[in-house]
């Protein structure tokens, strides 16, 4: 079992301890004195450099662990690797890789498109959309 330096919130105070990290569990030393098996963890959340772990046993316990990013990455990797997908669904939901194929409300067109028959009447003024440069084609000579 390896030991890593972390701060744990205990009784609304941050305490500096050496957290014991193993293949299937983590051990909080005194004054917390808890041993957590990764399979009992029901939720994991991360806010900046704080890892919030919720453990379901007889009562629901919440542990806040503060450490450097590398330590938190290792802890998340160990927790996620040993938990089932239904326990930590938020980590297994990914955005769609491509949009779903839906039925189009329009009929498919085969061949040439039909030409538009109804055109605006001649000399109809079409308002300009936005500022446009006025160009003239008069010769100066």
Foldseek 3Di string as FASTA:
>chain_A
DAWDWKWKQDPNDTDIDTWADDLFWIADDPPVGDIGGLQQWQEWDDDPQWIWTWGDDVHIDIMIIGDDPVVVVVVVVSSVVPYDCVRYVVVVDDDDPDDDDDDDPDDDDDDDDDDDDDDDDPPDDDDDDDDDDDDDDDDPD
